[in-house]
Amino acid sequence: MSSERIRTLLVELDKELKSTGEIDEETRELLSQLNDDLDEIAAGSQDTLSDSARELESRFAATHPVAERITREIADLLAKMGI
């Protein structure tokens, strides 16, 4: 169930970021990595997912408060899952 919530939050995050139109290439790559990491978890690997979520959260803190909230929630859910 938590993984479904994370996917929902990623969709919400994507919509929020598209509405701002101010996302740099490095941040886009981090988002892509987060998605890739989620796919790997489904396949049994979980090495960098939490780190990716926390890095995105800190990037969004000053300029994208809604995106920060979403990524914080993702990171918290991952921690609850033991990832």
C-alpha atoms as a PDB file:
ATOM      1  CA  MET A   1       0.000   0.000   0.000  1.00  0.00           C
ATOM      2  CA  SER A   2       2.829   2.454   0.768  1.00  0.00           C
ATOM      3  CA  SER A   3       4.340   1.942  -2.651  1.00  0.00           C
ATOM      4  CA  GLU A   4       1.000   2.862  -4.224  1.00  0.00           C
ATOM      5  CA  ARG A   5       0.927   6.038  -2.117  1.00  0.00           C
ATOM      6  CA  ILE A   6       4.457   6.860  -3.262  1.00  0.00           C
ATOM      7  CA  ARG A   7       3.429   6.458  -6.903  1.00  0.00           C
ATOM      8  CA  THR A   8       0.434   8.730  -6.285  1.00  0.00           C
ATOM      9  CA  LEU A   9       2.697  11.315  -4.665  1.00  0.00           C
ATOM     10  CA  LEU A  10       5.104  11.162  -7.604  1.00  0.00           C
ATOM     11  CA  VAL A  11       2.236  11.919  -9.986  1.00  0.00           C
ATOM     12  CA  GLU A  12       1.212  14.820  -7.745  1.00  0.00           C
ATOM     13  CA  LEU A  13       4.814  16.037  -7.636  1.00  0.00           C
ATOM     14  CA  ASP A  14       5.101  15.860 -11.423  1.00  0.00           C
ATOM     15  CA  LYS A  15       1.934  17.953 -11.845  1.00  0.00           C
ATOM     16  CA  GLU A  16       3.159  20.509  -9.314  1.00  0.00           C
ATOM     17  CA  LEU A  17       6.534  20.878 -10.987  1.00  0.00           C
ATOM     18  CA  LYS A  18       5.034  21.127 -14.465  1.00  0.00           C
ATOM     19  CA  SER A  19       2.813  23.946 -13.236  1.00  0.00           C
ATOM     20  CA  THR A  20       5.853  25.952 -12.119  1.00  0.00           C
ATOM     21  CA  GLY A  21       7.861  25.389 -15.284  1.00  0.00           C
ATOM     22  CA  GLU A  22      11.091  26.189 -13.422  1.00  0.00           C
ATOM     23  CA  ILE A  23      12.834  22.842 -13.016  1.00  0.00           C
ATOM     24  CA  ASP A  24      16.489  22.577 -13.953  1.00  0.00           C
ATOM     25  CA  GLU A  25      17.962  19.574 -15.730  1.00  0.00           C
ATOM     26  CA  GLU A  26      19.731  18.203 -12.644  1.00  0.00           C
ATOM     27  CA  THR A  27      16.471  18.191 -10.688  1.00  0.00           C
ATOM     28  CA  ARG A  28      14.693  16.463 -13.571  1.00  0.00           C
ATOM     29  CA  GLU A  29      17.411  13.810 -13.520  1.00  0.00           C
ATOM     30  CA  LEU A  30      16.902  13.309  -9.766  1.00  0.00           C
ATOM     31  CA  LEU A  31      13.173  12.835 -10.326  1.00  0.00           C
ATOM     32  CA  SER A  32      13.887  10.339 -13.044  1.00  0.00           C
ATOM     33  CA  GLN A  33      16.312   8.518 -10.752  1.00  0.00           C
ATOM     34  CA  LEU A  34      13.679   8.383  -8.026  1.00  0.00           C
ATOM     35  CA  ASN A  35      11.232   6.779 -10.455  1.00  0.00           C
ATOM     36  CA  ASP A  36      13.891   4.330 -11.604  1.00  0.00           C
ATOM     37  CA  ASP A  37      14.723   3.482  -7.997  1.00  0.00           C
ATOM     38  CA  LEU A  38      11.052   2.734  -7.301  1.00  0.00           C
ATOM     39  CA  ASP A  39      11.057   0.345 -10.231  1.00  0.00           C
ATOM     40  CA  GLU A  40      14.162  -1.347  -8.828  1.00  0.00           C
ATOM     41  CA  ILE A  41      12.486  -1.768  -5.446  1.00  0.00           C
ATOM     42  CA  ALA A  42       9.708  -3.611  -7.177  1.00  0.00           C
ATOM     43  CA  ALA A  43      12.454  -5.852  -8.568  1.00  0.00           C
ATOM     44  CA  GLY A  44      14.130  -6.286  -5.159  1.00  0.00           C
ATOM     45  CA  SER A  45      16.764  -3.496  -4.961  1.00  0.00           C
ATOM     46  CA  GLN A  46      16.499  -0.457  -2.671  1.00  0.00           C
ATOM     47  CA  ASP A  47      19.939   1.138  -2.456  1.00  0.00           C
ATOM     48  CA  THR A  48      19.448   4.806  -3.339  1.00  0.00           C
ATOM     49  CA  LEU A  49      15.739   5.535  -3.201  1.00  0.00           C
ATOM     50  CA  SER A  50      15.639   7.224   0.193  1.00  0.00           C
ATOM     51  CA  ASP A  51      18.742   9.285  -0.627  1.00  0.00           C
ATOM     52  CA  SER A  52      17.161  10.486  -3.887  1.00  0.00           C
ATOM     53  CA  ALA A  53      13.966  11.512  -2.116  1.00  0.00           C
ATOM     54  CA  ARG A  54      15.845  13.415   0.610  1.00  0.00           C
ATOM     55  CA  GLU A  55      18.021  15.198  -1.950  1.00  0.00           C
ATOM     56  CA  LEU A  56      14.945  16.328  -3.884  1.00  0.00           C
ATOM     57  CA  GLU A  57      13.316  17.479  -0.666  1.00  0.00           C
ATOM     58  CA  SER A  58      16.256  19.726   0.179  1.00  0.00           C
ATOM     59  CA  ARG A  59      16.390  21.125  -3.386  1.00  0.00           C
ATOM     60  CA  PHE A  60      12.740  22.116  -3.253  1.00  0.00           C
ATOM     61  CA  ALA A  61      12.815  23.614   0.262  1.00  0.00           C
ATOM     62  CA  ALA A  62      13.342  27.249  -0.740  1.00  0.00           C
ATOM     63  CA  THR A  63      11.698  27.487  -4.137  1.00  0.00           C
ATOM     64  CA  HIS A  64       8.970  24.840  -4.332  1.00  0.00           C
ATOM     65  CA  PRO A  65       7.245  24.405  -0.957  1.00  0.00           C
ATOM     66  CA  VAL A  66       4.499  22.129  -2.290  1.00  0.00           C
ATOM     67  CA  ALA A  67       7.058  19.924  -4.042  1.00  0.00           C
ATOM     68  CA  GLU A  68       9.095  19.840  -0.836  1.00  0.00           C
ATOM     69  CA  ARG A  69       6.063  18.642   1.134  1.00  0.00           C
ATOM     70  CA  ILE A  70       5.387  15.900  -1.393  1.00  0.00           C
ATOM     71  CA  THR A  71       8.989  14.674  -1.471  1.00  0.00           C
ATOM     72  CA  ARG A  72       9.172  14.797   2.344  1.00  0.00           C
ATOM     73  CA  GLU A  73       6.088  12.601   2.483  1.00  0.00           C
ATOM     74  CA  ILE A  74       7.663  10.197  -0.019  1.00  0.00           C
ATOM     75  CA  ALA A  75      10.872  10.051   2.046  1.00  0.00           C
ATOM     76  CA  ASP A  76       8.872   9.480   5.240  1.00  0.00           C
ATOM     77  CA  LEU A  77       6.897   6.644   3.639  1.00  0.00           C
ATOM     78  CA  LEU A  78      10.129   5.045   2.445  1.00  0.00           C
ATOM     79  CA  ALA A  79      11.557   5.263   5.961  1.00  0.00           C
ATOM     80  CA  LYS A  80       8.426   3.595   7.343  1.00  0.00           C
ATOM     81  CA  MET A  81       8.916   0.844   4.771  1.00  0.00           C
ATOM     82  CA  GLY A  82      12.491   0.395   6.021  1.00  0.00           C
ATOM     83  CA  ILE A  83      14.068   1.748   2.853  1.00  0.00           C
END
